[in-house]
Amino acid sequence: MAESLVPGDAPVSLNEARGWLRLGATIDDAVVAGLVRAATNICEAFIGQWLVIRAAEEVLPLKNGAVQPGARPVVGIDGVTLLLPGGDEVVLGDGDYRTSIGRDGTARVTLGEAVFYRKQDLAGLIWESEDRWDHPLLAYPTQEQHYFSGFVLAAEDRAQWAAIADAADGARRAGVARTFVWALPQVARDGFVTFDGEDVVQAFDAVDFPLAIGREAMVATEFSTQIVSSPSGHEQRASEWAEARMRYDAGPGIRSEADVRALADFFRARRGAARAFRFRDPFDGSSAADGGLPTAVDQMLGVGDGARRQFALVKRYGAGDAVQERSVRLPVESSVRVSVDGLETAAFLVTDEGEVLLDVAPAPGVSVRAGFLFDVPVRFADDRLEVSRATFLAGEMASVPLVEVRAPW
């Protein structure tokens, strides 16, 4: 690749890199900037193209009266200079050489008698207001294209993964060589999963797990933490999930043969682990801190700005810097109570996404709070349900493991 005369904008700004690394101070800015430059150089060397527009120059030997710059995609060639054997330089005029730039950004310069030349060009991708498959700088043969889809910077914007998955599917259907979803830390944080193959079955059924059986379930709350220990015993820990994931075992709730039949029927209708469903957590199914009936002021949803009418339901755990926010996507609709500026209101509805939509936007600075009962989206952890009459009559406990699924499902 050509060396840059004037450094171009990096694909990631210093502030973005510092924020992603959770660095508040600026003492390490030089190191971070160097890492961004190194990553950019590695990526450009790997894909054989420049990522951002910037000025550059190359010194190349003349072969058969023409040269082809190594940098691409080339946007334009500003000038050509001859390097004579004695070291002198001759700046050529526009009529002394011809340039051609292909649809794939490959440039070619044809000139007369010369030994070496130096050229300046602008290489990089020019993005328009919307993507176009026929963009002149992206018009490589489809089967040779690599498609990059993503990413979601902030955890609260994780709903954008659905659009990213649709874009990746569209690229695969178009026949590109490879499709990438970027980047691994955000994918792991939000639990994003996509499939490449036949259409998946319906992901979620809006039906309740048999409440009588689920009421006796065992409950486990889990996080995913990466821990690196040094020889001295010190640790570096990184939390990979923004929210906890719940696991349940509904086996203790099976008390009769009627329960076994009801569970077997429900299991077959869900096609094993294929379809998720609603499950009422026996210990944590209310917005109230004590697990009791909800009130209209249990949880803070947000503050009005005079225009916003829709607010997502959340439940918070802990306090201060250690507070952990849980997104609630399956409220029990008849249980939702809402207050605006401390006064309960019935002027709202609950959307299909489980959010509150007020009839009138609250005034700026006015708090919106809510209380509700809610279910957890889960699926069967296994594709096999095993129950024995002999062990059941002997009083042995069956195991019916369930695991929470992330929205969107």
Protein backbone atom coordinates (compact mmCIF):
# COMPACT_ATOMS: atom_id res chain seq x y z
CA MET A 1 0.00 0.00 0.00
CA ALA A 2 1.11 3.56 -0.57
CA GLU A 3 2.29 5.73 2.27
CA SER A 4 0.00 8.57 3.28
CA LEU A 5 1.29 12.11 2.82
CA VAL A 6 -1.50 13.65 4.85
CA PRO A 7 -3.00 11.38 7.51
CA GLY A 8 -6.66 10.73 6.78
CA ASP A 9 -9.47 10.33 9.27
CA ALA A 10 -9.30 7.02 11.10
CA PRO A 11 -12.29 4.65 10.80
CA VAL A 12 -12.70 5.02 14.59
CA SER A 13 -12.18 8.36 16.35
CA LEU A 14 -10.01 8.69 19.42
CA ASN A 15 -13.07 9.50 21.54
CA GLU A 16 -14.92 6.41 20.27
CA ALA A 17 -11.93 4.19 20.98
CA ARG A 18 -11.48 5.69 24.45
CA GLY A 19 -15.17 5.18 25.21
CA TRP A 20 -15.14 1.57 24.03
CA LEU A 21 -12.08 0.87 26.19
CA ARG A 22 -13.72 2.70 29.11
CA LEU A 23 -10.79 5.07 29.51
CA GLY A 24 -11.72 8.35 31.16
CA ALA A 25 -8.30 9.97 31.29
CA THR A 26 -6.37 11.21 28.27
CA ILE A 27 -2.94 10.09 29.46
CA ASP A 28 -3.04 7.05 27.16
CA ASP A 29 -4.32 8.90 24.09
CA ALA A 30 -1.06 8.47 22.20
CA VAL A 31 -1.09 4.71 22.79
CA VAL A 32 -4.77 4.39 21.81
CA ALA A 33 -4.23 6.47 18.67
CA GLY A 34 -1.27 4.26 17.74
CA LEU A 35 -3.37 1.12 18.21
CA VAL A 36 -6.12 2.55 16.00
CA ARG A 37 -3.57 3.33 13.28
CA ALA A 38 -2.04 -0.14 13.58
CA ALA A 39 -5.45 -1.82 13.38
CA THR A 40 -6.32 0.27 10.33
CA ASN A 41 -3.05 -0.70 8.62
CA ILE A 42 -3.62 -4.40 9.36
CA CYS A 43 -7.18 -4.29 8.03
CA GLU A 44 -6.13 -2.44 4.88
CA ALA A 45 -3.29 -4.85 4.28
CA PHE A 46 -5.67 -7.80 4.71
CA ILE A 47 -8.41 -6.60 2.33
CA GLY A 48 -6.02 -4.83 -0.06
CA GLN A 49 -7.96 -1.57 0.04
CA TRP A 50 -7.94 1.70 1.91
CA LEU A 51 -10.77 2.31 4.36
CA VAL A 52 -10.82 6.11 4.40
CA ILE A 53 -10.18 8.86 1.89
CA ARG A 54 -6.70 10.40 2.17
CA ALA A 55 -3.91 11.78 0.03
CA ALA A 56 -0.98 9.55 -0.84
CA GLU A 57 1.95 9.11 -3.18
CA GLU A 58 3.70 6.09 -4.67
CA VAL A 59 6.99 5.62 -6.51
CA LEU A 60 6.66 2.91 -9.15
CA PRO A 61 8.77 1.65 -12.08
CA LEU A 62 7.46 2.36 -15.55
CA LYS A 63 6.62 -0.79 -17.55
CA ASN A 64 5.64 -0.60 -21.21
CA GLY A 65 4.86 3.08 -20.86
CA ALA A 66 2.31 2.61 -18.06
CA VAL A 67 2.05 2.07 -14.32
CA GLN A 68 -0.69 0.77 -12.06
CA PRO A 69 -0.82 2.15 -8.50
CA GLY A 70 -0.92 -0.38 -5.72
CA ALA A 71 -3.35 1.65 -3.61
CA ARG A 72 -7.03 1.18 -4.30
CA PRO A 73 -9.80 2.11 -4.71
CA VAL A 74 -8.49 5.27 -6.39
CA VAL A 75 -10.85 8.25 -6.54
CA GLY A 76 -8.67 10.60 -8.58
CA ILE A 77 -5.07 11.33 -9.61
CA ASP A 78 -3.90 14.85 -8.85
CA GLY A 79 -0.56 14.83 -10.65
CA VAL A 80 2.37 12.87 -12.03
CA THR A 81 6.05 13.66 -11.59
CA LEU A 82 8.95 12.03 -13.46
CA LEU A 83 12.03 10.99 -11.48
CA LEU A 84 14.99 11.13 -13.88
CA PRO A 85 18.07 8.91 -13.46
CA GLY A 86 20.14 11.85 -12.20
CA GLY A 87 17.65 12.58 -9.45
CA ASP A 88 15.92 15.52 -11.15
CA GLU A 89 12.16 15.76 -11.08
CA VAL A 90 9.87 16.86 -13.92
CA VAL A 91 6.27 17.71 -13.17
CA LEU A 92 4.10 16.56 -16.09
CA GLY A 93 1.19 18.55 -17.42
CA ASP A 94 -2.30 17.18 -17.94
CA GLY A 95 -1.56 16.47 -21.59
CA ASP A 96 1.58 14.48 -20.87
CA TYR A 97 -0.19 11.44 -19.45
CA ARG A 98 -3.51 9.67 -19.49
CA THR A 99 -5.33 8.18 -16.52
CA SER A 100 -8.07 5.59 -16.33
CA ILE A 101 -9.92 4.38 -13.23
CA GLY A 102 -11.92 1.18 -13.41
CA ARG A 103 -15.22 0.52 -11.68
CA ASP A 104 -13.34 -1.48 -9.03
CA GLY A 105 -11.12 1.52 -8.19
CA THR A 106 -8.02 0.19 -9.97
CA ALA A 107 -6.10 3.05 -11.63
CA ARG A 108 -3.72 3.04 -14.60
CA VAL A 109 -1.46 5.86 -15.79
CA THR A 110 -0.03 5.84 -19.31
CA LEU A 111 2.74 8.28 -20.27
CA GLY A 112 5.59 8.76 -22.73
CA GLU A 113 9.35 8.45 -22.23
CA ALA A 114 10.11 8.12 -18.50
CA VAL A 115 11.89 5.89 -16.06
CA PHE A 116 10.05 6.49 -12.80
CA TYR A 117 7.15 8.60 -11.77
CA ARG A 118 5.52 9.79 -8.59
CA LYS A 119 1.80 10.19 -8.39
CA GLN A 120 -0.68 11.46 -5.89
CA ASP A 121 -4.13 10.02 -5.54
CA LEU A 122 -7.08 9.94 -3.23
CA ALA A 123 -8.02 6.42 -2.26
CA GLY A 124 -10.95 5.33 -0.15
CA LEU A 125 -14.62 4.57 -0.18
CA ILE A 126 -17.13 7.33 -0.88
CA TRP A 127 -20.36 6.49 0.89
CA GLU A 128 -23.57 8.03 -0.36
CA SER A 129 -26.72 8.66 1.65
CA GLU A 130 -27.82 5.10 1.03
CA ASP A 131 -26.04 1.90 0.04
CA ARG A 132 -26.11 0.93 -3.63
CA TRP A 133 -25.03 -2.40 -5.01
CA ASP A 134 -24.13 -0.66 -8.28
CA HIS A 135 -21.95 2.03 -6.68
CA PRO A 136 -18.91 2.46 -8.97
CA LEU A 137 -16.50 1.89 -6.08
CA LEU A 138 -18.33 -1.23 -4.90
CA ALA A 139 -18.97 -2.81 -8.27
CA TYR A 140 -16.73 -5.85 -7.87
CA PRO A 141 -18.24 -9.12 -9.07
CA THR A 142 -20.79 -10.18 -6.47
CA GLN A 143 -19.09 -13.50 -5.84
CA GLU A 144 -15.89 -11.63 -4.89
CA GLN A 145 -17.52 -9.21 -2.46
CA HIS A 146 -17.23 -9.36 1.32
CA TYR A 147 -20.16 -7.74 3.14
CA PHE A 148 -19.72 -6.08 6.55
CA SER A 149 -22.94 -5.70 8.56
CA GLY A 150 -23.19 -3.95 11.95
CA PHE A 151 -22.57 -2.85 14.62
CA VAL A 152 -24.49 -1.78 17.77
CA LEU A 153 -22.37 0.55 19.88
CA ALA A 154 -24.63 1.00 22.92
CA ALA A 155 -26.40 -1.81 24.79
CA GLU A 156 -29.65 0.17 24.95
CA ASP A 157 -29.79 0.09 21.11
CA ARG A 158 -29.62 -3.71 20.89
CA ALA A 159 -32.91 -3.80 18.95
CA GLN A 160 -30.84 -2.69 15.93
CA TRP A 161 -29.45 -6.24 15.66
CA ALA A 162 -32.67 -7.26 13.87
CA ALA A 163 -31.96 -4.82 11.01
CA ILE A 164 -28.31 -5.91 10.93
CA ALA A 165 -29.37 -9.57 10.63
CA ASP A 166 -31.76 -8.67 7.79
CA ALA A 167 -28.95 -6.85 5.96
CA ALA A 168 -26.60 -9.82 6.39
CA ASP A 169 -29.30 -12.19 5.09
CA GLY A 170 -29.81 -9.93 2.07
CA ALA A 171 -26.09 -10.02 1.30
CA ARG A 172 -26.01 -13.82 1.50
CA ARG A 173 -29.01 -14.09 -0.79
CA ALA A 174 -27.25 -11.78 -3.27
CA GLY A 175 -24.40 -14.32 -3.46
CA VAL A 176 -21.47 -12.50 -1.80
CA ALA A 177 -18.42 -14.57 -0.92
CA ARG A 178 -18.53 -13.90 2.83
CA THR A 179 -20.68 -11.93 5.29
CA PHE A 180 -19.34 -10.49 8.54
CA VAL A 181 -21.22 -9.15 11.57
CA TRP A 182 -19.03 -6.81 13.58
CA ALA A 183 -17.82 -6.86 16.31
CA LEU A 184 -17.40 -9.76 18.74
CA PRO A 185 -17.56 -7.76 22.04
CA GLN A 186 -20.92 -6.23 21.08
CA VAL A 187 -22.23 -9.56 19.73
CA ALA A 188 -21.30 -11.31 23.00
CA ARG A 189 -22.63 -8.45 25.12
CA ASP A 190 -26.10 -8.51 23.55
CA GLY A 191 -26.29 -12.26 22.85
CA PHE A 192 -26.85 -11.75 19.13
CA VAL A 193 -27.38 -14.97 17.16
CA THR A 194 -28.15 -15.48 13.49
CA PHE A 195 -28.46 -18.53 11.27
CA ASP A 196 -27.28 -19.16 7.73
CA GLY A 197 -29.49 -21.75 6.11
CA GLU A 198 -33.14 -22.71 5.87
CA ASP A 199 -35.76 -20.43 7.36
CA VAL A 200 -36.08 -20.85 11.11
CA VAL A 201 -39.37 -21.83 12.72
CA GLN A 202 -41.54 -19.29 14.52
CA ALA A 203 -39.30 -18.12 17.33
CA PHE A 204 -41.87 -17.22 20.00
CA ASP A 205 -45.34 -18.33 21.01
CA ALA A 206 -47.31 -15.87 23.16
CA VAL A 207 -48.60 -18.63 25.46
CA ASP A 208 -48.07 -19.18 29.17
CA PHE A 209 -46.25 -22.12 30.68
CA PRO A 210 -48.72 -24.00 32.92
CA LEU A 211 -48.75 -21.68 35.93
CA ALA A 212 -49.46 -24.36 38.52
CA ILE A 213 -46.36 -26.30 37.47
CA GLY A 214 -44.12 -23.23 37.15
CA ARG A 215 -45.03 -21.92 40.59
CA GLU A 216 -42.74 -24.48 42.26
CA ALA A 217 -39.79 -24.05 39.88
CA MET A 218 -36.20 -23.74 41.04
CA VAL A 219 -34.54 -20.48 39.91
CA ALA A 220 -30.93 -19.71 38.93
CA THR A 221 -29.57 -16.30 37.90
CA GLU A 222 -26.37 -16.29 35.84
CA PHE A 223 -23.90 -13.86 34.31
CA SER A 224 -20.93 -14.47 32.03
CA THR A 225 -17.67 -13.05 33.37
CA GLN A 226 -14.26 -13.45 31.77
CA ILE A 227 -11.53 -13.68 34.43
CA VAL A 228 -7.80 -13.50 33.74
CA SER A 229 -5.53 -14.28 36.70
CA SER A 230 -1.89 -13.26 36.91
CA PRO A 231 0.83 -15.42 38.58
CA SER A 232 0.72 -13.04 41.56
CA GLY A 233 -2.96 -13.78 42.12
CA HIS A 234 -4.30 -10.48 40.82
CA GLU A 235 -7.30 -10.65 38.53
CA GLN A 236 -8.71 -8.75 35.59
CA ARG A 237 -12.46 -9.28 35.17
CA ALA A 238 -14.73 -8.34 32.28
CA SER A 239 -18.51 -8.78 32.29
CA GLU A 240 -19.60 -10.11 28.88
CA TRP A 241 -23.36 -9.71 29.34
CA ALA A 242 -25.21 -6.45 29.95
CA GLU A 243 -28.04 -8.34 31.71
CA ALA A 244 -28.36 -11.52 33.71
CA ARG A 245 -29.78 -14.65 32.12
CA MET A 246 -32.31 -16.73 34.01
CA ARG A 247 -32.51 -20.51 34.22
CA TYR A 248 -35.34 -22.52 35.76
CA ASP A 249 -36.18 -26.12 36.56
CA ALA A 250 -39.94 -26.69 36.52
CA GLY A 251 -39.60 -30.32 37.63
CA PRO A 252 -40.56 -29.74 41.30
CA GLY A 253 -43.98 -28.50 40.17
CA ILE A 254 -45.00 -31.85 38.68
CA ARG A 255 -47.28 -33.35 41.33
CA SER A 256 -49.67 -35.61 39.41
CA GLU A 257 -50.13 -37.59 36.23
CA ALA A 258 -52.38 -34.77 35.02
CA ASP A 259 -49.38 -32.43 35.36
CA VAL A 260 -47.25 -34.86 33.34
CA ARG A 261 -49.83 -34.95 30.55
CA ALA A 262 -50.20 -31.15 30.53
CA LEU A 263 -46.43 -30.71 30.38
CA ALA A 264 -46.00 -33.30 27.61
CA ASP A 265 -48.71 -31.59 25.55
CA PHE A 266 -47.09 -28.18 26.04
CA PHE A 267 -43.62 -29.58 25.19
CA ARG A 268 -44.81 -31.11 21.92
CA ALA A 269 -46.64 -27.93 20.91
CA ARG A 270 -43.39 -25.96 21.39
CA ARG A 271 -41.49 -28.54 19.32
CA GLY A 272 -38.98 -29.05 22.09
CA ALA A 273 -36.48 -26.21 22.32
CA ALA A 274 -37.55 -24.65 18.99
CA ARG A 275 -40.13 -22.15 20.25
CA ALA A 276 -39.93 -19.81 23.21
CA PHE A 277 -42.89 -19.01 25.47
CA ARG A 278 -43.93 -16.98 28.52
CA PHE A 279 -42.92 -18.11 32.00
CA ARG A 280 -43.86 -16.50 35.33
CA ASP A 281 -40.84 -16.32 37.64
CA PRO A 282 -42.11 -17.51 41.05
CA PHE A 283 -39.80 -15.09 42.90
CA ASP A 284 -39.36 -12.12 40.56
CA GLY A 285 -42.44 -11.37 38.49
CA SER A 286 -43.39 -7.92 39.75
CA SER A 287 -41.99 -4.41 39.45
CA ALA A 288 -42.50 -3.94 43.19
CA ALA A 289 -39.34 -4.25 45.25
CA ASP A 290 -41.02 -6.67 47.68
CA GLY A 291 -42.50 -8.79 44.88
CA GLY A 292 -46.04 -7.74 45.80
CA LEU A 293 -48.73 -6.08 43.72
CA PRO A 294 -47.41 -3.30 41.47
CA THR A 295 -48.13 0.40 41.99
CA ALA A 296 -47.99 3.20 39.44
CA VAL A 297 -44.70 4.58 40.82
CA ASP A 298 -42.58 1.42 41.17
CA GLN A 299 -40.06 1.98 38.36
CA MET A 300 -38.73 5.12 36.65
CA LEU A 301 -39.19 4.86 32.87
CA GLY A 302 -37.86 8.23 31.78
CA VAL A 303 -38.36 11.98 31.64
CA GLY A 304 -40.58 13.79 29.16
CA ASP A 305 -39.23 16.17 26.53
CA GLY A 306 -42.51 17.48 25.14
CA ALA A 307 -42.46 15.12 22.13
CA ARG A 308 -41.64 11.60 23.33
CA ARG A 309 -44.66 9.41 24.03
CA GLN A 310 -43.24 5.87 24.11
CA PHE A 311 -41.29 4.49 27.07
CA ALA A 312 -39.74 1.03 27.53
CA LEU A 313 -40.54 -0.92 30.68
CA VAL A 314 -37.56 -1.66 32.92
CA LYS A 315 -36.85 -2.99 36.38
CA ARG A 316 -33.79 -1.89 38.32
CA TYR A 317 -31.76 -3.86 40.83
CA GLY A 318 -29.26 -2.36 43.27
CA ALA A 319 -28.53 1.33 43.71
CA GLY A 320 -25.99 4.01 42.82
CA ASP A 321 -23.15 3.03 40.51
CA ALA A 322 -23.98 -0.67 40.97
CA VAL A 323 -27.54 -0.43 39.62
CA GLN A 324 -28.42 -3.07 37.01
CA GLU A 325 -31.27 -2.41 34.58
CA ARG A 326 -33.43 -5.22 33.25
CA SER A 327 -35.47 -4.74 30.09
CA VAL A 328 -39.03 -6.04 30.42
CA ARG A 329 -40.54 -7.14 27.11
CA LEU A 330 -43.44 -9.32 28.33
CA PRO A 331 -45.57 -7.37 30.79
CA VAL A 332 -48.91 -8.78 31.88
CA GLU A 333 -50.97 -6.21 30.00
CA SER A 334 -53.86 -5.92 32.45
CA SER A 335 -51.41 -5.30 35.31
CA VAL A 336 -49.61 -2.24 33.90
CA ARG A 337 -50.12 0.98 35.88
CA VAL A 338 -48.58 4.29 34.81
CA SER A 339 -48.06 7.64 36.50
CA VAL A 340 -47.03 10.97 34.99
CA ASP A 341 -45.54 13.55 37.36
CA GLY A 342 -46.66 11.36 40.28
CA LEU A 343 -50.31 11.14 39.19
CA GLU A 344 -51.69 7.82 37.93
CA THR A 345 -53.17 7.90 34.44
CA ALA A 346 -55.15 5.52 32.25
CA ALA A 347 -54.35 7.45 29.03
CA PHE A 348 -51.93 4.92 27.59
CA LEU A 349 -51.71 1.58 25.85
CA VAL A 350 -49.13 -1.22 25.83
CA THR A 351 -47.54 -1.83 22.41
CA ASP A 352 -46.74 -5.21 20.87
CA GLU A 353 -43.11 -4.61 21.87
CA GLY A 354 -44.15 -4.36 25.52
CA GLU A 355 -43.63 -0.59 25.77
CA VAL A 356 -45.93 2.09 27.18
CA LEU A 357 -47.39 4.52 24.62
CA LEU A 358 -48.94 7.59 26.24
CA ASP A 359 -51.82 9.41 24.59
CA VAL A 360 -50.12 12.77 25.22
CA ALA A 361 -46.38 13.46 25.37
CA PRO A 362 -45.30 14.54 28.90
CA ALA A 363 -43.98 18.07 29.31
CA PRO A 364 -40.19 18.55 29.50
CA GLY A 365 -38.75 17.42 32.82
CA VAL A 366 -41.85 15.46 33.87
CA SER A 367 -41.10 11.96 35.19
CA VAL A 368 -42.88 8.87 33.88
CA ARG A 369 -43.11 5.84 36.17
CA ALA A 370 -44.87 2.50 36.00
CA GLY A 371 -45.63 -0.70 37.85
CA PHE A 372 -46.44 -4.07 36.32
CA LEU A 373 -46.35 -7.83 36.52
CA PHE A 374 -44.20 -9.49 33.90
CA ASP A 375 -43.22 -12.82 32.39
CA VAL A 376 -39.83 -14.08 31.20
CA PRO A 377 -39.32 -15.37 27.64
CA VAL A 378 -37.88 -18.89 27.96
CA ARG A 379 -37.52 -22.10 25.99
CA PHE A 380 -36.98 -25.70 26.96
CA ALA A 381 -33.25 -26.24 27.46
CA ASP A 382 -33.38 -29.69 25.84
CA ASP A 383 -35.14 -31.28 22.90
CA ARG A 384 -36.06 -34.31 25.02
CA LEU A 385 -38.57 -34.57 27.86
CA GLU A 386 -38.07 -37.65 30.02
CA VAL A 387 -40.66 -38.79 32.57
CA SER A 388 -41.01 -42.30 34.05
CA ARG A 389 -44.11 -43.61 35.79
CA ALA A 390 -41.96 -45.76 38.10
CA THR A 391 -39.75 -42.91 39.27
CA PHE A 392 -42.75 -40.56 39.46
CA LEU A 393 -44.72 -42.91 41.76
CA ALA A 394 -41.57 -43.44 43.84
CA GLY A 395 -41.47 -39.73 44.57
CA GLU A 396 -38.39 -38.92 42.51
CA MET A 397 -38.26 -35.40 41.10
CA ALA A 398 -38.34 -34.96 37.33
CA SER A 399 -36.06 -32.36 35.73
CA VAL A 400 -37.57 -29.87 33.27
CA PRO A 401 -34.84 -27.27 32.60
CA LEU A 402 -35.81 -23.93 31.01
CA VAL A 403 -33.52 -21.14 29.86
CA GLU A 404 -34.26 -17.46 29.19
CA VAL A 405 -34.01 -16.22 25.60
CA ARG A 406 -32.99 -12.71 24.57
CA ALA A 407 -35.27 -10.37 22.67
CA PRO A 408 -35.68 -9.99 19.78
CA TRP A 409 -36.55 -13.66 19.52
